[in-house]
Amino acid sequence: MEIGFYSGSFDPFTIGHLHVLKQALRICDKVIIGIGTNSDKKRRFDKDLIKEAIEKVLVRENISNVSVIIYEGLTFKAALDNNATLLLRGIRNNGTDYNYEESLAATNKEASGLDTIYIRACEYGNVSSSLVMEFLKNDVDVSKYLPKDVLEVVMKSKI
């Protein structure tokens, strides 16, 4: 049984993240979405609210073989603690993403033995949490970039 661990800050969880998740489910029997902390970034939305919103998205999308957790510390440790067999990462349409992810994958493989699978964001390669935040700051409609339940959290918490 393949159990994928899809980690990120998901701050917020975008349609690009959802696309990657759906593709991951084509190769994994189960996926665990791990909402982690990136020490290089300040969190914009409460992790518990984002977790609840993602869980609502899963129900709305009729996805039952995915669980959502919040974790602290190293991703590979959280993956191992949750019996994951693979790490899953989304790649947008630029070389910078690949180079960054490849460095992480090599380190995680060495430390844990877990392989990383990259999933292309495809037509959602331009969508990022940073883009969503920049649009929000400038009063641009972000509804086409976020699943409905996440959009509701974002709009209630709008900065």
C-alpha atoms as a PDB file:
ATOM      1  CA  MET A   1       0.000   0.000   0.000  1.00  0.00           C
ATOM      2  CA  GLU A   2       1.436   3.353  -1.086  1.00  0.00           C
ATOM      3  CA  ILE A   3       0.848   6.158   1.395  1.00  0.00           C
ATOM      4  CA  GLY A   4       1.907   9.574   0.171  1.00  0.00           C
ATOM      5  CA  PHE A   5       2.770  12.463   2.453  1.00  0.00           C
ATOM      6  CA  TYR A   6       1.972  15.802   0.787  1.00  0.00           C
ATOM      7  CA  SER A   7       3.497  18.548   2.876  1.00  0.00           C
ATOM      8  CA  GLY A   8       3.381  22.309   2.673  1.00  0.00           C
ATOM      9  CA  SER A   9       2.384  25.397   4.540  1.00  0.00           C
ATOM     10  CA  PHE A  10      -0.806  25.540   2.426  1.00  0.00           C
ATOM     11  CA  ASP A  11      -1.107  29.174   3.434  1.00  0.00           C
ATOM     12  CA  PRO A  12      -3.589  29.122   1.727  1.00  0.00           C
ATOM     13  CA  PHE A  13      -4.433  25.830  -0.030  1.00  0.00           C
ATOM     14  CA  THR A  14      -4.943  26.643  -3.729  1.00  0.00           C
ATOM     15  CA  ILE A  15      -6.498  24.944  -6.751  1.00  0.00           C
ATOM     16  CA  GLY A  16      -2.933  24.065  -7.724  1.00  0.00           C
ATOM     17  CA  HIS A  17      -2.529  22.138  -4.472  1.00  0.00           C
ATOM     18  CA  LEU A  18      -5.850  20.400  -5.111  1.00  0.00           C
ATOM     19  CA  HIS A  19      -4.721  19.439  -8.626  1.00  0.00           C
ATOM     20  CA  VAL A  20      -1.492  17.933  -7.279  1.00  0.00           C
ATOM     21  CA  LEU A  21      -3.478  16.019  -4.641  1.00  0.00           C
ATOM     22  CA  LYS A  22      -5.847  14.559  -7.222  1.00  0.00           C
ATOM     23  CA  GLN A  23      -2.924  13.440  -9.377  1.00  0.00           C
ATOM     24  CA  ALA A  24      -1.216  11.911  -6.335  1.00  0.00           C
ATOM     25  CA  LEU A  25      -4.307   9.815  -5.688  1.00  0.00           C
ATOM     26  CA  ARG A  26      -3.762   8.156  -9.060  1.00  0.00           C
ATOM     27  CA  ILE A  27      -0.558   6.578  -7.702  1.00  0.00           C
ATOM     28  CA  CYS A  28      -1.168   6.405  -3.958  1.00  0.00           C
ATOM     29  CA  ASP A  29      -3.759   4.381  -2.076  1.00  0.00           C
ATOM     30  CA  LYS A  30      -3.887   7.072   0.582  1.00  0.00           C
ATOM     31  CA  VAL A  31      -2.511  10.593   0.947  1.00  0.00           C
ATOM     32  CA  ILE A  32      -1.803  12.499   4.123  1.00  0.00           C
ATOM     33  CA  ILE A  33      -1.769  16.266   3.740  1.00  0.00           C
ATOM     34  CA  GLY A  34       0.705  17.608   6.268  1.00  0.00           C
ATOM     35  CA  ILE A  35       0.335  21.275   7.150  1.00  0.00           C
ATOM     36  CA  GLY A  36       3.768  22.244   8.360  1.00  0.00           C
ATOM     37  CA  THR A  37       5.636  25.334   9.397  1.00  0.00           C
ATOM     38  CA  ASN A  38       8.131  27.012   7.123  1.00  0.00           C
ATOM     39  CA  SER A  39      10.475  28.883   9.440  1.00  0.00           C
ATOM     40  CA  ASP A  40      11.361  31.237   6.570  1.00  0.00           C
ATOM     41  CA  LYS A  41       7.765  32.434   6.182  1.00  0.00           C
ATOM     42  CA  LYS A  42       5.335  34.170   8.505  1.00  0.00           C
ATOM     43  CA  ARG A  43       1.998  32.324   8.612  1.00  0.00           C
ATOM     44  CA  ARG A  44      -0.954  34.320   7.306  1.00  0.00           C
ATOM     45  CA  PHE A  45      -3.859  32.009   8.142  1.00  0.00           C
ATOM     46  CA  ASP A  46      -4.539  29.897  11.212  1.00  0.00           C
ATOM     47  CA  LYS A  47      -3.475  26.286  10.576  1.00  0.00           C
ATOM     48  CA  ASP A  48      -6.567  24.860  12.259  1.00  0.00           C
ATOM     49  CA  LEU A  49      -8.876  26.928  10.046  1.00  0.00           C
ATOM     50  CA  ILE A  50      -6.978  25.893   6.912  1.00  0.00           C
ATOM     51  CA  LYS A  51      -7.093  22.245   8.039  1.00  0.00           C
ATOM     52  CA  GLU A  52     -10.875  22.452   8.487  1.00  0.00           C
ATOM     53  CA  ALA A  53     -11.271  24.154   5.113  1.00  0.00           C
ATOM     54  CA  ILE A  54      -9.191  21.473   3.353  1.00  0.00           C
ATOM     55  CA  GLU A  55     -11.278  18.768   5.028  1.00  0.00           C
ATOM     56  CA  LYS A  56     -14.429  20.465   3.690  1.00  0.00           C
ATOM     57  CA  VAL A  57     -12.871  20.593   0.216  1.00  0.00           C
ATOM     58  CA  LEU A  58     -12.220  16.848   0.426  1.00  0.00           C
ATOM     59  CA  VAL A  59     -15.862  16.195   1.304  1.00  0.00           C
ATOM     60  CA  ARG A  60     -17.085  18.504  -1.475  1.00  0.00           C
ATOM     61  CA  GLU A  61     -14.785  16.748  -3.974  1.00  0.00           C
ATOM     62  CA  ASN A  62     -15.855  13.299  -2.700  1.00  0.00           C
ATOM     63  CA  ILE A  63     -12.289  12.381  -1.743  1.00  0.00           C
ATOM     64  CA  SER A  64     -12.260   9.915   1.140  1.00  0.00           C
ATOM     65  CA  ASN A  65      -8.749   8.443   1.169  1.00  0.00           C
ATOM     66  CA  VAL A  66      -7.014  11.617   2.337  1.00  0.00           C
ATOM     67  CA  SER A  67      -6.404  12.829   5.864  1.00  0.00           C
ATOM     68  CA  VAL A  68      -5.124  16.205   6.984  1.00  0.00           C
ATOM     69  CA  ILE A  69      -2.726  16.713   9.856  1.00  0.00           C
ATOM     70  CA  ILE A  70      -0.814  19.603  11.378  1.00  0.00           C
ATOM     71  CA  TYR A  71       2.770  18.905  12.319  1.00  0.00           C
ATOM     72  CA  GLU A  72       5.843  20.624  13.672  1.00  0.00           C
ATOM     73  CA  GLY A  73       9.433  19.786  12.881  1.00  0.00           C
ATOM     74  CA  LEU A  74      10.929  17.870  10.012  1.00  0.00           C
ATOM     75  CA  THR A  75       8.701  16.685   7.190  1.00  0.00           C
ATOM     76  CA  PHE A  76      10.340  13.298   6.820  1.00  0.00           C
ATOM     77  CA  LYS A  77       9.839  12.591  10.534  1.00  0.00           C
ATOM     78  CA  ALA A  78       6.139  13.463  10.295  1.00  0.00           C
ATOM     79  CA  ALA A  79       5.862  11.267   7.206  1.00  0.00           C
ATOM     80  CA  LEU A  80       7.511   8.317   8.944  1.00  0.00           C
ATOM     81  CA  ASP A  81       5.403   8.851  12.086  1.00  0.00           C
ATOM     82  CA  ASN A  82       2.315   8.558   9.861  1.00  0.00           C
ATOM     83  CA  ASN A  83       3.538   5.437   8.023  1.00  0.00           C
ATOM     84  CA  ALA A  84       4.029   7.226   4.700  1.00  0.00           C
ATOM     85  CA  THR A  85       5.920   5.359   1.992  1.00  0.00           C
ATOM     86  CA  LEU A  86       6.465   8.359  -0.325  1.00  0.00           C
ATOM     87  CA  LEU A  87       6.895  12.095  -0.091  1.00  0.00           C
ATOM     88  CA  LEU A  88       4.822  14.087  -2.584  1.00  0.00           C
ATOM     89  CA  ARG A  89       5.719  17.511  -3.922  1.00  0.00           C
ATOM     90  CA  GLY A  90       4.108  19.769  -6.482  1.00  0.00           C
ATOM     91  CA  ILE A  91       6.274  21.438  -9.111  1.00  0.00           C
ATOM     92  CA  ARG A  92       5.257  24.643 -10.839  1.00  0.00           C
ATOM     93  CA  ASN A  93       6.446  25.656 -14.287  1.00  0.00           C
ATOM     94  CA  ASN A  94       9.916  26.881 -13.516  1.00  0.00           C
ATOM     95  CA  GLY A  95      13.389  25.494 -12.939  1.00  0.00           C
ATOM     96  CA  THR A  96      13.685  27.187  -9.573  1.00  0.00           C
ATOM     97  CA  ASP A  97      10.993  24.919  -8.102  1.00  0.00           C
ATOM     98  CA  TYR A  98      12.716  21.815  -9.430  1.00  0.00           C
ATOM     99  CA  ASN A  99      16.161  22.780  -8.129  1.00  0.00           C
ATOM    100  CA  TYR A 100      14.783  23.588  -4.672  1.00  0.00           C
ATOM    101  CA  GLU A 101      12.682  20.423  -4.508  1.00  0.00           C
ATOM    102  CA  GLU A 102      15.519  18.209  -5.766  1.00  0.00           C
ATOM    103  CA  SER A 103      17.759  19.462  -2.970  1.00  0.00           C
ATOM    104  CA  LEU A 104      15.065  18.690  -0.386  1.00  0.00           C
ATOM    105  CA  ALA A 105      14.367  15.283  -1.911  1.00  0.00           C
ATOM    106  CA  ALA A 106      18.026  14.262  -1.768  1.00  0.00           C
ATOM    107  CA  THR A 107      18.306  15.320   1.872  1.00  0.00           C
ATOM    108  CA  ASN A 108      15.048  13.583   2.832  1.00  0.00           C
ATOM    109  CA  LYS A 109      16.097  10.387   1.041  1.00  0.00           C
ATOM    110  CA  GLU A 110      19.430  10.341   2.860  1.00  0.00           C
ATOM    111  CA  ALA A 111      17.843  11.032   6.251  1.00  0.00           C
ATOM    112  CA  SER A 112      14.778   8.789   5.989  1.00  0.00           C
ATOM    113  CA  GLY A 113      15.006   6.478   2.998  1.00  0.00           C
ATOM    114  CA  LEU A 114      11.765   7.959   1.615  1.00  0.00           C
ATOM    115  CA  ASP A 115      11.587   8.699  -2.093  1.00  0.00           C
ATOM    116  CA  THR A 116       9.987  11.901  -3.342  1.00  0.00           C
ATOM    117  CA  ILE A 117       7.582  11.981  -6.261  1.00  0.00           C
ATOM    118  CA  TYR A 118       7.149  15.272  -8.104  1.00  0.00           C
ATOM    119  CA  ILE A 119       3.777  16.102  -9.580  1.00  0.00           C
ATOM    120  CA  ARG A 120       3.509  18.866 -12.137  1.00  0.00           C
ATOM    121  CA  ALA A 121       1.005  21.609 -11.456  1.00  0.00           C
ATOM    122  CA  CYS A 122       0.321  21.737 -15.239  1.00  0.00           C
ATOM    123  CA  GLU A 123      -2.206  24.448 -16.078  1.00  0.00           C
ATOM    124  CA  TYR A 124      -2.060  25.648 -12.458  1.00  0.00           C
ATOM    125  CA  GLY A 125       1.682  26.296 -12.573  1.00  0.00           C
ATOM    126  CA  ASN A 126       1.153  30.038 -12.267  1.00  0.00           C
ATOM    127  CA  VAL A 127      -0.953  29.697  -9.103  1.00  0.00           C
ATOM    128  CA  SER A 128       0.854  30.134  -5.810  1.00  0.00           C
ATOM    129  CA  SER A 129      -0.111  31.132  -2.300  1.00  0.00           C
ATOM    130  CA  SER A 130       2.123  34.201  -2.711  1.00  0.00           C
ATOM    131  CA  LEU A 131       0.248  35.239  -5.859  1.00  0.00           C
ATOM    132  CA  VAL A 132      -3.070  34.866  -4.052  1.00  0.00           C
ATOM    133  CA  MET A 133      -1.818  37.018  -1.188  1.00  0.00           C
ATOM    134  CA  GLU A 134      -0.516  39.715  -3.529  1.00  0.00           C
ATOM    135  CA  PHE A 135      -3.861  39.814  -5.332  1.00  0.00           C
ATOM    136  CA  LEU A 136      -5.728  40.012  -2.019  1.00  0.00           C
ATOM    137  CA  LYS A 137      -3.603  42.958  -0.890  1.00  0.00           C
ATOM    138  CA  ASN A 138      -4.519  44.728  -4.111  1.00  0.00           C
ATOM    139  CA  ASP A 139      -8.245  43.889  -4.052  1.00  0.00           C
ATOM    140  CA  VAL A 140      -8.116  41.471  -6.993  1.00  0.00           C
ATOM    141  CA  ASP A 141     -10.685  38.661  -7.055  1.00  0.00           C
ATOM    142  CA  VAL A 142      -8.984  35.372  -6.060  1.00  0.00           C
ATOM    143  CA  SER A 143     -12.022  33.095  -6.294  1.00  0.00           C
ATOM    144  CA  LYS A 144     -10.689  31.246  -9.336  1.00  0.00           C
ATOM    145  CA  TYR A 145      -7.477  30.337  -7.482  1.00  0.00           C
ATOM    146  CA  LEU A 146      -8.947  28.877  -4.289  1.00  0.00           C
ATOM    147  CA  PRO A 147     -11.401  26.081  -3.550  1.00  0.00           C
ATOM    148  CA  LYS A 148     -14.680  27.507  -2.205  1.00  0.00           C
ATOM    149  CA  ASP A 149     -14.168  26.428   1.413  1.00  0.00           C
ATOM    150  CA  VAL A 150     -10.653  27.857   1.521  1.00  0.00           C
ATOM    151  CA  LEU A 151     -11.858  31.075  -0.097  1.00  0.00           C
ATOM    152  CA  GLU A 152     -14.363  31.502   2.738  1.00  0.00           C
ATOM    153  CA  VAL A 153     -11.593  31.246   5.364  1.00  0.00           C
ATOM    154  CA  VAL A 154      -9.358  33.615   3.427  1.00  0.00           C
ATOM    155  CA  MET A 155     -12.068  36.224   2.973  1.00  0.00           C
ATOM    156  CA  LYS A 156     -13.057  36.096   6.664  1.00  0.00           C
ATOM    157  CA  SER A 157      -9.398  36.557   7.636  1.00  0.00           C
ATOM    158  CA  LYS A 158      -8.523  39.035   4.895  1.00  0.00           C
ATOM    159  CA  ILE A 159      -5.558  41.133   5.846  1.00  0.00           C
END
